[in-house]
Amino acid sequence: MGEARYHPLSLVESDDVGEGTRVWAWAHVMAGARIGKDCNIGDHAFIEGGSTLGDGVTVKNGVLIWDGVTIGDGVFVGPGVLFTNDRTPRSARMAGAFSTQTQGWLTPTVVEADASLGAGAVIVAGVRIGRLALVGAGAVVTRDVPPQGLVVGNPARRVGWVCHCAQKLRFRDGLARCDRCGRLYVESANGPILSEAAEG
């Protein structure tokens, strides 16, 4: 895999970047950010100290990731995705607002392994996006997304379930076979369950 590689026009201040990770031009990784192995950080991405990215994460161009955001292994973060980390923000320079910038203001956000976030999505502080979930382009995520949930719109709402390969599933009589990869799922109240019959 080899050492991490940084474009000469990037700014990488963190000393916690995994092997094989690439950081491209005009991206900024602040001190205190933790980046796993074999990640790809696109042009003009900003990753603040206090954020954590797992292994194999793709961060496309123009993404903003702030303190308190944790991104699991294998996550895809599309172009222009914006995270937030404060549900009641005020400028620390506003008269009388100093108390809002003291301990306790940070609202952690988690994106679980292998989820995908479409271009221009806004992820509001404090949500958990489940494993293998798919967030549509431009969605504004204000509440948790279940594993393999497909959400779209503003505010984002669940409109279905997706396969491991990200194809939308179509259930009939409690079963769905993926049109793309052939995996078989059983429908449950908590989302699709991969059927062992698909393994055979």
Protein backbone atom coordinates (compact mmCIF):
# COMPACT_ATOMS: atom_id res chain seq x y z
CA MET A 1 0.00 0.00 0.00
CA GLY A 2 2.87 2.38 0.77
CA GLU A 3 3.02 5.75 2.46
CA ALA A 4 0.30 8.37 2.25
CA ARG A 5 0.72 10.74 -0.70
CA TYR A 6 -0.02 14.46 -0.57
CA HIS A 7 -0.32 16.74 -3.58
CA PRO A 8 2.15 19.64 -3.27
CA LEU A 9 -0.78 22.08 -3.18
CA SER A 10 -2.57 20.30 -0.33
CA LEU A 11 -2.19 21.25 3.34
CA VAL A 12 -1.95 18.25 5.67
CA GLU A 13 -1.32 19.22 9.29
CA SER A 14 -2.42 15.91 10.83
CA ASP A 15 0.19 13.30 11.69
CA ASP A 16 -2.51 10.58 11.85
CA VAL A 17 -3.04 9.67 8.20
CA GLY A 18 -3.02 6.00 7.18
CA GLU A 19 -0.90 4.23 4.59
CA GLY A 20 -1.98 4.52 0.98
CA THR A 21 -4.20 7.56 1.55
CA ARG A 22 -4.06 10.24 -1.14
CA VAL A 23 -4.79 13.93 -0.51
CA TRP A 24 -5.25 16.04 -3.62
CA ALA A 25 -4.69 19.72 -4.46
CA TRP A 26 -6.13 22.43 -2.22
CA ALA A 27 -7.48 19.93 0.29
CA HIS A 28 -6.86 20.85 3.95
CA VAL A 29 -6.56 18.23 6.69
CA MET A 30 -6.18 19.95 10.08
CA ALA A 31 -4.10 18.76 13.01
CA GLY A 32 -6.09 16.35 15.15
CA ALA A 33 -8.02 14.80 12.25
CA ARG A 34 -7.69 11.00 12.02
CA ILE A 35 -7.69 9.51 8.52
CA GLY A 36 -7.54 5.75 7.93
CA LYS A 37 -5.70 3.69 5.33
CA ASP A 38 -6.30 3.85 1.57
CA CYS A 39 -8.60 6.91 1.64
CA ASN A 40 -8.95 9.36 -1.23
CA ILE A 41 -9.44 13.04 -0.31
CA GLY A 42 -10.48 15.19 -3.29
CA ASP A 43 -9.63 18.77 -4.25
CA HIS A 44 -10.87 21.55 -1.95
CA ALA A 45 -12.05 19.15 0.77
CA PHE A 46 -11.74 20.45 4.34
CA ILE A 47 -11.33 18.02 7.24
CA GLU A 48 -11.27 19.62 10.69
CA GLY A 49 -9.37 18.38 13.72
CA GLY A 50 -11.52 16.12 15.88
CA SER A 51 -13.06 14.32 12.90
CA THR A 52 -12.37 10.64 12.15
CA LEU A 53 -12.40 8.77 8.85
CA GLY A 54 -12.08 4.98 8.68
CA ASP A 55 -10.23 2.94 6.07
CA GLY A 56 -11.09 3.09 2.38
CA VAL A 57 -13.19 6.28 2.60
CA THR A 58 -13.74 8.34 -0.57
CA VAL A 59 -14.16 12.08 0.00
CA LYS A 60 -14.95 13.85 -3.27
CA ASN A 61 -14.20 17.49 -4.12
CA GLY A 62 -15.52 20.35 -1.98
CA VAL A 63 -16.62 18.26 1.03
CA LEU A 64 -16.67 19.90 4.50
CA ILE A 65 -16.14 17.58 7.49
CA TRP A 66 -16.08 19.15 10.96
CA ASP A 67 -15.00 18.25 14.49
CA GLY A 68 -17.27 15.56 15.94
CA VAL A 69 -17.97 13.76 12.65
CA THR A 70 -17.07 10.05 12.52
CA ILE A 71 -17.11 8.29 9.15
CA GLY A 72 -16.85 4.50 8.99
CA ASP A 73 -14.86 2.24 6.68
CA GLY A 74 -15.70 2.23 2.99
CA VAL A 75 -18.01 5.27 3.04
CA PHE A 76 -18.49 7.31 -0.15
CA VAL A 77 -18.92 11.07 0.45
CA GLY A 78 -20.05 12.72 -2.78
CA PRO A 79 -19.02 16.13 -4.14
CA GLY A 80 -20.04 19.12 -2.05
CA VAL A 81 -21.43 17.17 0.91
CA LEU A 82 -21.68 19.42 3.98
CA PHE A 83 -21.66 18.22 7.58
CA THR A 84 -22.61 20.39 10.55
CA ASN A 85 -21.70 19.94 14.22
CA ASP A 86 -23.70 22.50 16.21
CA ARG A 87 -27.51 22.54 16.39
CA THR A 88 -27.68 26.04 17.91
CA PRO A 89 -24.79 27.97 16.36
CA ARG A 90 -23.82 31.54 17.20
CA SER A 91 -20.69 33.44 16.33
CA ALA A 92 -18.24 33.36 19.22
CA ARG A 93 -17.66 37.05 18.43
CA MET A 94 -21.30 38.01 18.99
CA ALA A 95 -21.86 39.93 22.24
CA GLY A 96 -23.05 37.57 24.98
CA ALA A 97 -22.55 34.46 22.83
CA PHE A 98 -19.33 33.22 24.43
CA SER A 99 -21.16 30.71 26.61
CA THR A 100 -22.50 28.91 23.52
CA GLN A 101 -18.95 28.09 22.42
CA THR A 102 -17.91 26.37 25.65
CA GLN A 103 -17.98 22.67 26.46
CA GLY A 104 -21.13 20.86 25.45
CA TRP A 105 -21.94 22.63 22.17
CA LEU A 106 -20.55 19.88 19.92
CA THR A 107 -23.16 17.43 18.57
CA PRO A 108 -21.49 14.25 17.25
CA THR A 109 -22.53 12.74 13.92
CA VAL A 110 -21.84 9.16 12.74
CA VAL A 111 -21.84 7.65 9.26
CA GLU A 112 -21.60 3.86 9.51
CA ALA A 113 -19.52 1.63 7.24
CA ASP A 114 -20.19 1.43 3.51
CA ALA A 115 -22.89 4.13 3.41
CA SER A 116 -23.00 6.53 0.44
CA LEU A 117 -23.83 10.24 0.57
CA GLY A 118 -24.93 11.82 -2.71
CA ALA A 119 -23.62 15.09 -4.11
CA GLY A 120 -24.63 18.23 -2.23
CA ALA A 121 -26.26 16.45 0.70
CA VAL A 122 -26.41 18.34 4.01
CA ILE A 123 -25.97 16.23 7.14
CA VAL A 124 -27.39 18.02 10.19
CA ALA A 125 -25.51 17.50 13.45
CA GLY A 126 -26.45 14.61 15.69
CA VAL A 127 -27.70 12.08 13.15
CA ARG A 128 -26.55 8.50 12.59
CA ILE A 129 -26.54 7.21 9.04
CA GLY A 130 -26.72 3.42 9.06
CA ARG A 131 -24.49 0.89 7.36
CA LEU A 132 -24.97 0.68 3.57
CA ALA A 133 -27.54 3.50 3.60
CA LEU A 134 -27.86 5.71 0.52
CA VAL A 135 -28.51 9.45 0.85
CA GLY A 136 -29.77 11.03 -2.37
CA ALA A 137 -28.16 14.06 -3.99
CA GLY A 138 -29.19 17.32 -2.34
CA ALA A 139 -30.96 15.65 0.58
CA VAL A 140 -31.05 17.44 3.94
CA VAL A 141 -30.68 14.75 6.59
CA THR A 142 -32.26 15.89 9.87
CA ARG A 143 -32.85 12.50 11.54
CA ASP A 144 -31.28 9.05 11.68
CA VAL A 145 -31.20 6.89 8.54
CA PRO A 146 -31.59 3.12 9.07
CA PRO A 147 -29.09 0.64 7.65
CA GLN A 148 -29.68 0.19 3.91
CA GLY A 149 -32.27 2.98 3.96
CA LEU A 150 -32.69 5.13 0.85
CA VAL A 151 -33.50 8.75 1.75
CA VAL A 152 -34.19 11.77 -0.47
CA GLY A 153 -35.55 15.31 -0.20
CA ASN A 154 -35.64 18.19 2.26
CA PRO A 155 -36.10 17.14 4.95
CA ALA A 156 -34.86 13.72 3.89
CA ARG A 157 -37.40 10.91 4.15
CA ARG A 158 -37.02 7.21 3.52
CA VAL A 159 -38.41 6.13 0.15
CA GLY A 160 -37.12 2.57 0.11
CA TRP A 161 -34.26 0.18 0.77
CA VAL A 162 -31.06 -0.50 -1.14
CA CYS A 163 -28.92 -3.55 -1.80
CA HIS A 164 -25.26 -3.89 -0.81
CA CYS A 165 -24.52 -2.76 -4.39
CA ALA A 166 -26.71 0.39 -3.90
CA GLN A 167 -29.49 -0.71 -6.28
CA LYS A 168 -33.00 0.10 -5.02
CA LEU A 169 -34.83 -3.04 -3.86
CA ARG A 170 -38.39 -3.87 -4.93
CA PHE A 171 -40.15 -6.16 -2.48
CA ARG A 172 -42.95 -8.51 -3.49
CA ASP A 173 -44.54 -10.87 -0.97
CA GLY A 174 -41.78 -10.04 1.51
CA LEU A 175 -38.89 -10.87 -0.85
CA ALA A 176 -36.64 -8.84 -3.15
CA ARG A 177 -33.94 -9.99 -5.54
CA CYS A 178 -31.55 -7.26 -6.60
CA ASP A 179 -31.84 -6.47 -10.33
CA ARG A 180 -28.13 -5.71 -10.51
CA CYS A 181 -26.24 -8.28 -8.42
CA GLY A 182 -28.85 -10.97 -7.69
CA ARG A 183 -28.70 -10.86 -3.88
CA LEU A 184 -31.92 -12.06 -2.25
CA TYR A 185 -33.46 -10.21 0.70
CA VAL A 186 -36.25 -10.87 3.16
CA GLU A 187 -38.29 -7.83 4.24
CA SER A 188 -38.46 -6.96 7.93
CA ALA A 189 -39.70 -4.01 9.97
CA ASN A 190 -36.07 -2.91 10.45
CA GLY A 191 -35.08 -3.21 6.81
CA PRO A 192 -33.86 -5.87 4.39
CA ILE A 193 -32.20 -9.04 5.68
CA LEU A 194 -29.83 -10.81 3.31
CA SER A 195 -31.13 -14.33 2.71
CA GLU A 196 -28.79 -17.29 3.07
CA ALA A 197 -30.46 -18.66 -0.04
CA ALA A 198 -28.58 -15.98 -1.97
CA GLU A 199 -25.27 -17.48 -0.89
CA GLY A 200 -25.91 -20.83 -2.59
